[in-house]
């Protein structure tokens, strides 16, 4: 049995999952290091991330981050069927809120 279903690194254009926060952060999950049932507080995911603090808007930086931070602060807005099977389906209401926020409609 492989260590994780998502152990093969993918590209930021075809991530396993995309999480967004209400304050402009976005994490694209490109790889995990453990199965979901074996994850703990210090489990890492390899992600492409962007935030309002980036010098160039829309630019992503790649690196490891704690999975718990993505799950705590982000909302799943897009994912592969395999990801949704393990981590749960994305929240259409949260995705709609974030889309409206990006368009300036939540004023």
N, C-alpha and C. Protein backbone atom coordinates (compact mmCIF):
# COMPACT_ATOMS: atom_id res chain seq x y z
N UNK A 1 0.84 -1.18 0.00
CA UNK A 1 0.00 0.00 0.00
C UNK A 1 0.89 1.25 0.00
N UNK A 2 0.62 2.21 -0.87
CA UNK A 2 1.43 3.43 -0.90
C UNK A 2 1.22 4.24 0.38
N UNK A 3 2.19 5.10 0.68
CA UNK A 3 2.10 5.92 1.89
C UNK A 3 0.95 6.90 1.82
N UNK A 4 0.60 7.34 0.61
CA UNK A 4 -0.50 8.27 0.43
C UNK A 4 -1.05 8.16 -0.99
N UNK A 5 -2.31 8.46 -1.13
CA UNK A 5 -2.95 8.45 -2.43
C UNK A 5 -2.45 9.60 -3.29
N UNK A 6 -2.00 10.68 -2.64
CA UNK A 6 -1.61 11.91 -3.34
C UNK A 6 -0.11 12.16 -3.24
N UNK A 7 0.68 11.10 -3.31
CA UNK A 7 2.12 11.20 -3.15
C UNK A 7 2.88 11.60 -4.40
N UNK A 8 2.23 11.56 -5.54
CA UNK A 8 2.88 11.97 -6.78
C UNK A 8 2.64 13.47 -6.97
N UNK A 9 3.72 14.23 -7.12
CA UNK A 9 3.59 15.68 -7.27
C UNK A 9 2.91 16.01 -8.59
N UNK A 10 1.92 16.89 -8.50
CA UNK A 10 1.20 17.36 -9.68
C UNK A 10 1.55 18.83 -9.92
N UNK A 11 1.00 19.43 -10.95
CA UNK A 11 1.31 20.82 -11.27
C UNK A 11 0.30 21.76 -10.61
N UNK A 12 0.66 23.03 -10.50
CA UNK A 12 -0.26 23.97 -9.88
C UNK A 12 -1.49 24.22 -10.75
N UNK A 13 -1.40 23.89 -12.04
CA UNK A 13 -2.55 24.02 -12.93
C UNK A 13 -3.53 22.86 -12.78
N UNK A 14 -3.06 21.75 -12.23
CA UNK A 14 -3.91 20.57 -12.03
C UNK A 14 -3.71 20.02 -10.61
N UNK A 15 -4.02 20.83 -9.58
CA UNK A 15 -3.80 20.38 -8.20
C UNK A 15 -4.83 19.34 -7.78
N UNK A 16 -4.51 18.62 -6.71
CA UNK A 16 -5.48 17.68 -6.15
C UNK A 16 -6.64 18.44 -5.53
N UNK A 17 -6.35 19.61 -4.94
CA UNK A 17 -7.39 20.40 -4.30
C UNK A 17 -6.97 21.86 -4.26
N UNK A 18 -7.98 22.74 -4.22
CA UNK A 18 -7.75 24.18 -4.04
C UNK A 18 -8.55 24.64 -2.84
N UNK A 19 -7.85 25.26 -1.90
CA UNK A 19 -8.48 25.85 -0.72
C UNK A 19 -8.28 27.35 -0.79
N UNK A 20 -9.30 28.11 -0.39
CA UNK A 20 -9.20 29.57 -0.35
C UNK A 20 -9.69 30.05 1.01
N UNK A 21 -9.14 31.19 1.44
CA UNK A 21 -9.60 31.81 2.68
C UNK A 21 -10.38 33.08 2.35
N UNK A 22 -11.07 33.59 3.33
CA UNK A 22 -11.86 34.81 3.12
C UNK A 22 -10.98 36.06 3.05
N UNK A 23 -9.70 35.93 3.42
CA UNK A 23 -8.82 37.10 3.38
C UNK A 23 -7.78 37.03 2.25
N UNK A 24 -8.06 36.26 1.21
CA UNK A 24 -7.24 36.31 0.01
C UNK A 24 -6.17 35.26 -0.16
N UNK A 25 -6.03 34.34 0.79
CA UNK A 25 -5.04 33.27 0.63
C UNK A 25 -5.62 32.17 -0.25
N UNK A 26 -4.73 31.51 -0.98
CA UNK A 26 -5.11 30.35 -1.79
C UNK A 26 -4.00 29.31 -1.72
N UNK A 27 -4.39 28.08 -1.45
CA UNK A 27 -3.45 26.96 -1.41
C UNK A 27 -3.88 25.94 -2.44
N UNK A 28 -2.97 25.53 -3.31
CA UNK A 28 -3.22 24.47 -4.28
C UNK A 28 -2.38 23.27 -3.84
N UNK A 29 -3.05 22.21 -3.45
CA UNK A 29 -2.36 21.03 -2.92
C UNK A 29 -1.79 20.22 -4.09
N UNK A 30 -0.46 20.09 -4.08
CA UNK A 30 0.24 19.40 -5.15
C UNK A 30 0.74 18.01 -4.74
N UNK A 31 0.83 17.78 -3.42
CA UNK A 31 1.32 16.49 -2.93
C UNK A 31 1.06 16.41 -1.43
N UNK A 32 0.76 15.20 -0.94
CA UNK A 32 0.70 14.96 0.50
C UNK A 32 1.73 13.89 0.84
N UNK A 33 2.09 13.84 2.11
CA UNK A 33 3.13 12.89 2.53
C UNK A 33 2.59 11.71 3.33
N UNK A 34 1.34 11.80 3.78
CA UNK A 34 0.73 10.73 4.58
C UNK A 34 -0.72 10.53 4.16
N UNK A 35 -1.25 9.32 4.45
CA UNK A 35 -2.68 9.10 4.28
C UNK A 35 -3.43 9.97 5.27
N UNK A 36 -4.64 10.36 4.94
CA UNK A 36 -5.44 11.23 5.80
C UNK A 36 -5.55 10.67 7.21
N UNK A 37 -5.79 9.37 7.35
CA UNK A 37 -5.97 8.78 8.69
C UNK A 37 -4.67 8.78 9.51
N UNK A 38 -3.53 8.99 8.87
CA UNK A 38 -2.25 9.05 9.59
C UNK A 38 -1.75 10.47 9.81
N UNK A 39 -2.50 11.46 9.34
CA UNK A 39 -2.06 12.85 9.52
C UNK A 39 -2.22 13.28 10.97
N UNK A 40 -1.36 14.21 11.37
CA UNK A 40 -1.39 14.76 12.72
C UNK A 40 -1.10 16.25 12.62
N UNK A 41 -0.96 16.93 13.75
CA UNK A 41 -0.79 18.39 13.76
C UNK A 41 0.40 18.88 12.94
N UNK A 42 1.40 18.05 12.76
CA UNK A 42 2.60 18.50 12.05
C UNK A 42 2.76 17.87 10.67
N UNK A 43 1.67 17.30 10.15
CA UNK A 43 1.72 16.74 8.80
C UNK A 43 1.83 17.86 7.78
N UNK A 44 2.60 17.60 6.72
CA UNK A 44 2.85 18.63 5.71
C UNK A 44 2.19 18.26 4.39
N UNK A 45 1.86 19.31 3.66
CA UNK A 45 1.44 19.18 2.27
C UNK A 45 2.36 20.05 1.44
N UNK A 46 2.66 19.61 0.23
CA UNK A 46 3.40 20.44 -0.72
C UNK A 46 2.36 21.22 -1.50
N UNK A 47 2.45 22.55 -1.47
CA UNK A 47 1.43 23.40 -2.07
C UNK A 47 2.05 24.50 -2.93
N UNK A 48 1.22 25.06 -3.78
CA UNK A 48 1.50 26.32 -4.45
C UNK A 48 0.56 27.31 -3.77
N UNK A 49 1.11 28.35 -3.16
CA UNK A 49 0.30 29.27 -2.37
C UNK A 49 0.48 30.70 -2.83
N UNK A 50 -0.60 31.48 -2.65
CA UNK A 50 -0.54 32.91 -2.91
C UNK A 50 -1.35 33.61 -1.83
N UNK A 51 -1.07 34.90 -1.66
CA UNK A 51 -1.77 35.68 -0.65
C UNK A 51 -1.74 37.15 -1.05
N UNK A 52 -2.49 37.99 -0.33
CA UNK A 52 -2.45 39.42 -0.62
C UNK A 52 -1.07 40.04 -0.33
N UNK A 53 -0.20 39.31 0.35
CA UNK A 53 1.12 39.81 0.70
C UNK A 53 2.15 39.60 -0.40
N UNK A 54 1.77 38.87 -1.45
CA UNK A 54 2.69 38.60 -2.55
C UNK A 54 3.01 39.90 -3.29
N UNK A 55 4.26 40.04 -3.73
CA UNK A 55 4.68 41.23 -4.45
C UNK A 55 4.00 41.34 -5.81
N UNK A 56 3.83 40.21 -6.48
CA UNK A 56 3.18 40.19 -7.78
C UNK A 56 1.84 39.48 -7.64
N UNK A 57 0.76 40.18 -7.92
CA UNK A 57 -0.57 39.60 -7.79
C UNK A 57 -0.72 38.39 -8.70
N UNK A 58 -1.29 37.33 -8.16
CA UNK A 58 -1.51 36.12 -8.93
C UNK A 58 -0.33 35.18 -9.00
N UNK A 59 0.79 35.56 -8.40
CA UNK A 59 1.98 34.71 -8.40
C UNK A 59 1.89 33.71 -7.25
N UNK A 60 2.36 32.52 -7.49
CA UNK A 60 2.35 31.46 -6.47
C UNK A 60 3.78 31.12 -6.07
N UNK A 61 3.95 30.78 -4.81
CA UNK A 61 5.21 30.22 -4.33
C UNK A 61 4.94 28.79 -3.91
N UNK A 62 5.89 27.91 -4.18
CA UNK A 62 5.71 26.51 -3.85
C UNK A 62 6.57 26.13 -2.66
N UNK A 63 5.99 25.25 -1.82
CA UNK A 63 6.71 24.76 -0.65
C UNK A 63 5.78 23.97 0.25
N UNK A 64 6.35 23.46 1.33
CA UNK A 64 5.56 22.69 2.30
C UNK A 64 4.86 23.63 3.27
N UNK A 65 3.68 23.22 3.69
CA UNK A 65 2.94 23.93 4.73
C UNK A 65 2.23 22.90 5.59
N UNK A 66 1.86 23.29 6.79
CA UNK A 66 1.14 22.36 7.66
C UNK A 66 -0.27 22.15 7.13
N UNK A 67 -0.67 20.90 6.98
CA UNK A 67 -2.01 20.57 6.48
C UNK A 67 -3.07 21.18 7.38
N UNK A 68 -2.84 21.18 8.70
CA UNK A 68 -3.85 21.70 9.63
C UNK A 68 -4.14 23.18 9.39
N UNK A 69 -3.12 23.95 8.97
CA UNK A 69 -3.35 25.37 8.70
C UNK A 69 -4.25 25.58 7.49
N UNK A 70 -4.03 24.79 6.46
CA UNK A 70 -4.88 24.88 5.26
C UNK A 70 -6.31 24.50 5.62
N UNK A 71 -6.47 23.41 6.36
CA UNK A 71 -7.81 22.93 6.74
C UNK A 71 -8.49 23.89 7.72
N UNK A 72 -7.72 24.53 8.58
CA UNK A 72 -8.29 25.43 9.58
C UNK A 72 -8.72 26.76 8.97
N UNK A 73 -7.92 27.32 8.06
CA UNK A 73 -8.18 28.67 7.54
C UNK A 73 -8.78 28.69 6.14
N UNK A 74 -8.76 27.56 5.44
CA UNK A 74 -9.25 27.55 4.07
C UNK A 74 -10.55 26.79 3.91
N UNK A 75 -11.23 27.11 2.83
CA UNK A 75 -12.44 26.40 2.41
C UNK A 75 -12.12 25.68 1.13
N UNK A 76 -12.49 24.42 1.07
CA UNK A 76 -12.27 23.65 -0.15
C UNK A 76 -13.22 24.15 -1.23
N UNK A 77 -12.65 24.63 -2.32
CA UNK A 77 -13.48 25.17 -3.39
C UNK A 77 -13.42 24.34 -4.68
N UNK A 78 -12.41 23.49 -4.79
CA UNK A 78 -12.29 22.62 -5.97
C UNK A 78 -11.39 21.46 -5.61
N UNK A 79 -11.72 20.27 -6.11
CA UNK A 79 -10.91 19.09 -5.80
C UNK A 79 -11.19 17.97 -6.78
N UNK A 80 -10.25 17.03 -6.85
CA UNK A 80 -10.46 15.84 -7.64
C UNK A 80 -11.47 14.96 -6.90
N UNK A 81 -12.15 14.06 -7.61
CA UNK A 81 -13.08 13.15 -6.93
C UNK A 81 -12.41 12.32 -5.84
N UNK A 82 -11.15 11.92 -6.07
CA UNK A 82 -10.42 11.13 -5.07
C UNK A 82 -10.19 11.94 -3.79
N UNK A 83 -9.87 13.23 -3.96
CA UNK A 83 -9.66 14.10 -2.80
C UNK A 83 -10.96 14.26 -2.02
N UNK A 84 -12.04 14.52 -2.74
CA UNK A 84 -13.33 14.71 -2.08
C UNK A 84 -13.76 13.45 -1.33
N UNK A 85 -13.41 12.30 -1.86
CA UNK A 85 -13.76 11.04 -1.20
C UNK A 85 -13.08 10.93 0.17
N UNK A 86 -11.83 11.39 0.26
CA UNK A 86 -11.10 11.29 1.53
C UNK A 86 -11.30 12.50 2.44
N UNK A 87 -11.33 13.69 1.88
CA UNK A 87 -11.35 14.91 2.69
C UNK A 87 -12.71 15.60 2.73
N UNK A 88 -13.67 15.08 2.00
CA UNK A 88 -15.00 15.68 1.97
C UNK A 88 -15.17 16.57 0.76
N UNK A 89 -16.42 16.71 0.35
CA UNK A 89 -16.74 17.51 -0.82
C UNK A 89 -16.56 18.99 -0.53
N UNK A 90 -16.33 19.75 -1.58
CA UNK A 90 -16.18 21.19 -1.40
C UNK A 90 -17.52 21.81 -1.01
N UNK A 91 -17.45 22.94 -0.37
CA UNK A 91 -18.61 23.65 0.14
C UNK A 91 -19.07 24.66 -0.91
N UNK A 92 -20.17 24.37 -1.59
CA UNK A 92 -20.65 25.26 -2.65
C UNK A 92 -20.97 26.66 -2.12
N UNK A 93 -21.52 26.73 -0.90
CA UNK A 93 -21.85 28.03 -0.32
C UNK A 93 -20.59 28.85 -0.06
N UNK A 94 -19.57 28.23 0.51
CA UNK A 94 -18.32 28.93 0.76
C UNK A 94 -17.66 29.35 -0.55
N UNK A 95 -17.70 28.46 -1.53
CA UNK A 95 -17.11 28.78 -2.84
C UNK A 95 -17.83 29.97 -3.46
N UNK A 96 -19.15 30.01 -3.35
CA UNK A 96 -19.93 31.12 -3.90
C UNK A 96 -19.59 32.43 -3.16
N UNK A 97 -19.46 32.35 -1.83
CA UNK A 97 -19.11 33.53 -1.04
C UNK A 97 -17.75 34.08 -1.49
N UNK A 98 -16.77 33.20 -1.64
CA UNK A 98 -15.43 33.62 -2.05
C UNK A 98 -15.44 34.19 -3.47
N UNK A 99 -16.24 33.59 -4.35
CA UNK A 99 -16.34 34.11 -5.71
C UNK A 99 -16.95 35.51 -5.70
N UNK A 100 -18.03 35.69 -4.94
CA UNK A 100 -18.65 37.01 -4.85
C UNK A 100 -17.70 38.02 -4.23
N UNK A 101 -16.94 37.58 -3.23
CA UNK A 101 -15.99 38.48 -2.59
C UNK A 101 -14.93 38.93 -3.59
N UNK A 102 -14.43 38.02 -4.40
CA UNK A 102 -13.40 38.38 -5.38
C UNK A 102 -13.96 39.34 -6.43
N UNK A 103 -15.27 39.30 -6.67
CA UNK A 103 -15.90 40.20 -7.63
C UNK A 103 -16.41 41.48 -6.98
N UNK A 104 -16.25 41.59 -5.64
CA UNK A 104 -16.70 42.78 -4.93
C UNK A 104 -18.19 42.83 -4.69
N UNK A 105 -18.86 41.68 -4.70
CA UNK A 105 -20.31 41.64 -4.55
C UNK A 105 -20.78 41.46 -3.11
N UNK A 106 -19.87 41.21 -2.16
CA UNK A 106 -20.25 40.98 -0.77
C UNK A 106 -20.18 42.25 0.06
N UNK A 107 -20.30 43.39 -0.55
CA UNK A 107 -20.18 44.65 0.17
C UNK A 107 -21.38 44.93 1.03
